C-alpha atoms as a PDB file:
ATOM      1  CA  MET A   1      57.142  46.513 -73.581  1.00  0.00           C
ATOM      2  CA  ASN A   2      54.151  48.186 -71.984  1.00  0.00           C
ATOM      3  CA  ALA A   3      51.331  48.586 -74.486  1.00  0.00           C
ATOM      4  CA  ASP A   4      49.401  50.908 -72.156  1.00  0.00           C
ATOM      5  CA  ALA A   5      52.293  53.357 -71.942  1.00  0.00           C
ATOM      6  CA  ILE A   6      52.786  53.289 -75.699  1.00  0.00           C
ATOM      7  CA  GLU A   7      49.061  53.852 -76.277  1.00  0.00           C
ATOM      8  CA  SER A   8      48.945  56.759 -73.798  1.00  0.00           C
ATOM      9  CA  VAL A   9      51.945  58.481 -75.330  1.00  0.00           C
ATOM     10  CA  ALA A  10      50.606  57.899 -78.871  1.00  0.00           C
ATOM     11  CA  GLU A  11      47.200  59.351 -77.994  1.00  0.00           C
ATOM     12  CA  ALA A  12      48.788  62.450 -76.448  1.00  0.00           C
ATOM     13  CA  ILE A  13      50.892  62.961 -79.573  1.00  0.00           C
ATOM     14  CA  GLU A  14      47.835  62.506 -81.807  1.00  0.00           C
ATOM     15  CA  ARG A  15      45.708  64.973 -79.786  1.00  0.00           C
ATOM     16  CA  ARG A  16      48.377  67.581 -80.333  1.00  0.00           C
ATOM     17  CA  GLY A  17      48.580  66.857 -84.066  1.00  0.00           C
ATOM     18  CA  LEU A  18      52.245  65.953 -83.820  1.00  0.00           C
ATOM     19  CA  CYS A  19      52.349  62.513 -85.416  1.00  0.00           C
ATOM     20  CA  GLU A  20      54.632  63.493 -88.316  1.00  0.00           C
ATOM     21  CA  PRO A  21      57.245  65.348 -86.249  1.00  0.00           C
ATOM     22  CA  ALA A  22      57.152  62.629 -83.566  1.00  0.00           C
ATOM     23  CA  ILE A  23      57.704  59.843 -86.116  1.00  0.00           C
ATOM     24  CA  PHE A  24      60.611  61.797 -87.612  1.00  0.00           C
ATOM     25  CA  ILE A  25      62.259  62.383 -84.244  1.00  0.00           C
ATOM     26  CA  LEU A  26      61.664  58.819 -83.045  1.00  0.00           C
ATOM     27  CA  GLU A  27      63.132  57.374 -86.264  1.00  0.00           C
ATOM     28  CA  LEU A  28      66.222  59.497 -85.781  1.00  0.00           C
ATOM     29  CA  SER A  29      66.480  58.482 -82.149  1.00  0.00           C
ATOM     30  CA  LYS A  30      66.280  54.693 -82.621  1.00  0.00           C
ATOM     31  CA  PRO A  31      70.086  54.213 -82.711  1.00  0.00           C
ATOM     32  CA  LEU A  32      70.372  56.262 -79.528  1.00  0.00           C
ATOM     33  CA  VAL A  33      67.775  54.526 -77.367  1.00  0.00           C
ATOM     34  CA  GLY A  34      70.378  53.462 -74.770  1.00  0.00           C
ATOM     35  CA  CYS A  35      71.735  56.998 -74.497  1.00  0.00           C
ATOM     36  CA  MET A  36      68.232  58.462 -74.403  1.00  0.00           C
ATOM     37  CA  ARG A  37      67.329  56.132 -71.557  1.00  0.00           C
ATOM     38  CA  GLU A  38      70.288  57.408 -69.572  1.00  0.00           C
ATOM     39  CA  LEU A  39      69.642  61.029 -70.508  1.00  0.00           C
ATOM     40  CA  TYR A  40      65.985  60.718 -69.608  1.00  0.00           C
ATOM     41  CA  GLY A  41      66.967  59.370 -66.196  1.00  0.00           C
ATOM     42  CA  VAL A  42      68.903  62.569 -65.583  1.00  0.00           C
ATOM     43  CA  SER A  43      66.242  64.870 -67.035  1.00  0.00           C
ATOM     44  CA  GLU A  44      63.173  63.139 -65.588  1.00  0.00           C
ATOM     45  CA  PRO A  45      62.512  65.940 -63.073  1.00  0.00           C
ATOM     46  CA  VAL A  46      62.532  68.484 -65.898  1.00  0.00           C
ATOM     47  CA  ALA A  47      60.217  66.314 -68.015  1.00  0.00           C
ATOM     48  CA  SER A  48      57.897  65.873 -65.039  1.00  0.00           C
ATOM     49  CA  ALA A  49      57.760  69.622 -64.529  1.00  0.00           C
ATOM     50  CA  LEU A  50      57.059  70.321 -68.203  1.00  0.00           C
ATOM     51  CA  LEU A  51      54.769  67.409 -69.050  1.00  0.00           C
ATOM     52  CA  GLY A  52      53.343  66.483 -65.646  1.00  0.00           C
ATOM     53  CA  SER A  53      54.368  63.745 -63.279  1.00  0.00           C
ATOM     54  CA  ALA A  54      52.003  61.197 -64.875  1.00  0.00           C
ATOM     55  CA  TRP A  55      54.101  61.228 -68.078  1.00  0.00           C
ATOM     56  CA  ALA A  56      57.474  60.489 -66.531  1.00  0.00           C
ATOM     57  CA  PRO A  57      56.959  56.741 -65.994  1.00  0.00           C
ATOM     58  CA  LYS A  58      55.225  56.317 -69.360  1.00  0.00           C
ATOM     59  CA  LEU A  59      58.056  57.975 -71.254  1.00  0.00           C
ATOM     60  CA  ARG A  60      60.602  55.934 -69.305  1.00  0.00           C
ATOM     61  CA  GLU A  61      58.829  52.750 -70.364  1.00  0.00           C
ATOM     62  CA  VAL A  62      58.703  53.799 -74.015  1.00  0.00           C
ATOM     63  CA  PHE A  63      62.408  54.622 -74.079  1.00  0.00           C
ATOM     64  CA  ALA A  64      63.291  51.427 -72.196  1.00  0.00           C
ATOM     65  CA  SER A  65      63.912  49.489 -75.394  1.00  0.00           C
ATOM     66  CA  SER A  66      64.233  49.802 -79.146  1.00  0.00           C
ATOM     67  CA  GLU A  67      61.192  47.554 -79.492  1.00  0.00           C
ATOM     68  CA  SER A  68      59.062  49.993 -77.507  1.00  0.00           C
ATOM     69  CA  VAL A  69      60.199  52.937 -79.593  1.00  0.00           C
ATOM     70  CA  GLU A  70      59.476  50.962 -82.768  1.00  0.00           C
ATOM     71  CA  ALA A  71      56.018  50.025 -81.457  1.00  0.00           C
ATOM     72  CA  LEU A  72      55.282  53.697 -80.786  1.00  0.00           C
ATOM     73  CA  ILE A  73      56.429  54.629 -84.303  1.00  0.00           C
ATOM     74  CA  GLN A  74      54.187  51.941 -85.843  1.00  0.00           C
ATOM     75  CA  ARG A  75      51.243  53.094 -83.737  1.00  0.00           C
ATOM     76  CA  LEU A  76      51.734  56.714 -84.859  1.00  0.00           C
ATOM     77  CA  GLU A  77      52.128  55.655 -88.497  1.00  0.00           C
ATOM     78  CA  ARG A  78      48.826  53.749 -88.355  1.00  0.00           C
ATOM     79  CA  ALA A  79      47.096  56.825 -86.908  1.00  0.00           C
ATOM     80  CA  ARG A  80      48.649  59.062 -89.565  1.00  0.00           C
ATOM     81  CA  ASP A  81      47.636  56.696 -92.359  1.00  0.00           C
ATOM     82  CA  GLN A  82      44.056  56.396 -91.046  1.00  0.00           C
ATOM     83  CA  LYS A  83      43.772  60.169 -90.868  1.00  0.00           C
ATOM     84  CA  CYS A  84      44.996  60.492 -94.475  1.00  0.00           C
ATOM     85  CA  VAL A  85      42.599  57.793 -95.705  1.00  0.00           C
ATOM     86  CA  GLY A  86      39.713  59.399 -93.804  1.00  0.00           C
ATOM     87  CA  ALA A  87      40.442  62.800 -95.358  1.00  0.00           C
ATOM     88  CA  ALA A  88      40.483  61.449 -98.918  1.00  0.00           C
END
């Protein structure tokens, strides 16, 4: 598991204000990590075109294992919770 890739992806999601939808989608995708890894391999050129070539390897690392996906979810949940506590 690459902590730098997880942190980069999490920060990008946070900047866009998409923690909640990302957590929801990632939770739904956990049982499909193996399929997503294969699908991402096929769609990597499309993802690179849409997100930029710097994101392709980071996303590949995150979807490499269930543990990485879970670590990203936990990271996003911490950010969401801190934001909620800070707003109160």
